[in-house]
């Protein structure tokens, strides 16, 4: 997954949990995941809320979500 992962899309959550997109929508409707909406009407889930959800429902936590901070790639042409 690319970019800033402080907010996750419902599609990303579906891939991490290996479920279909509609399942994630049902979790949101049931209040199991909190979301915010973009100006275009898309839902975003804060990373910390998603991690809380994974722990509460015994899902494995993807290693890439456990990494804190940003990674920097330094390239030197020497």
Foldseek 3Di string as FASTA:
>chain_A
DDDDVQKDFLVVLCVLQVHDSVVSVVCVVVVLFDWDADPVGGTIGGLVSSVVSCVVVVHDDDPVSVDDDDDDDDDDPD
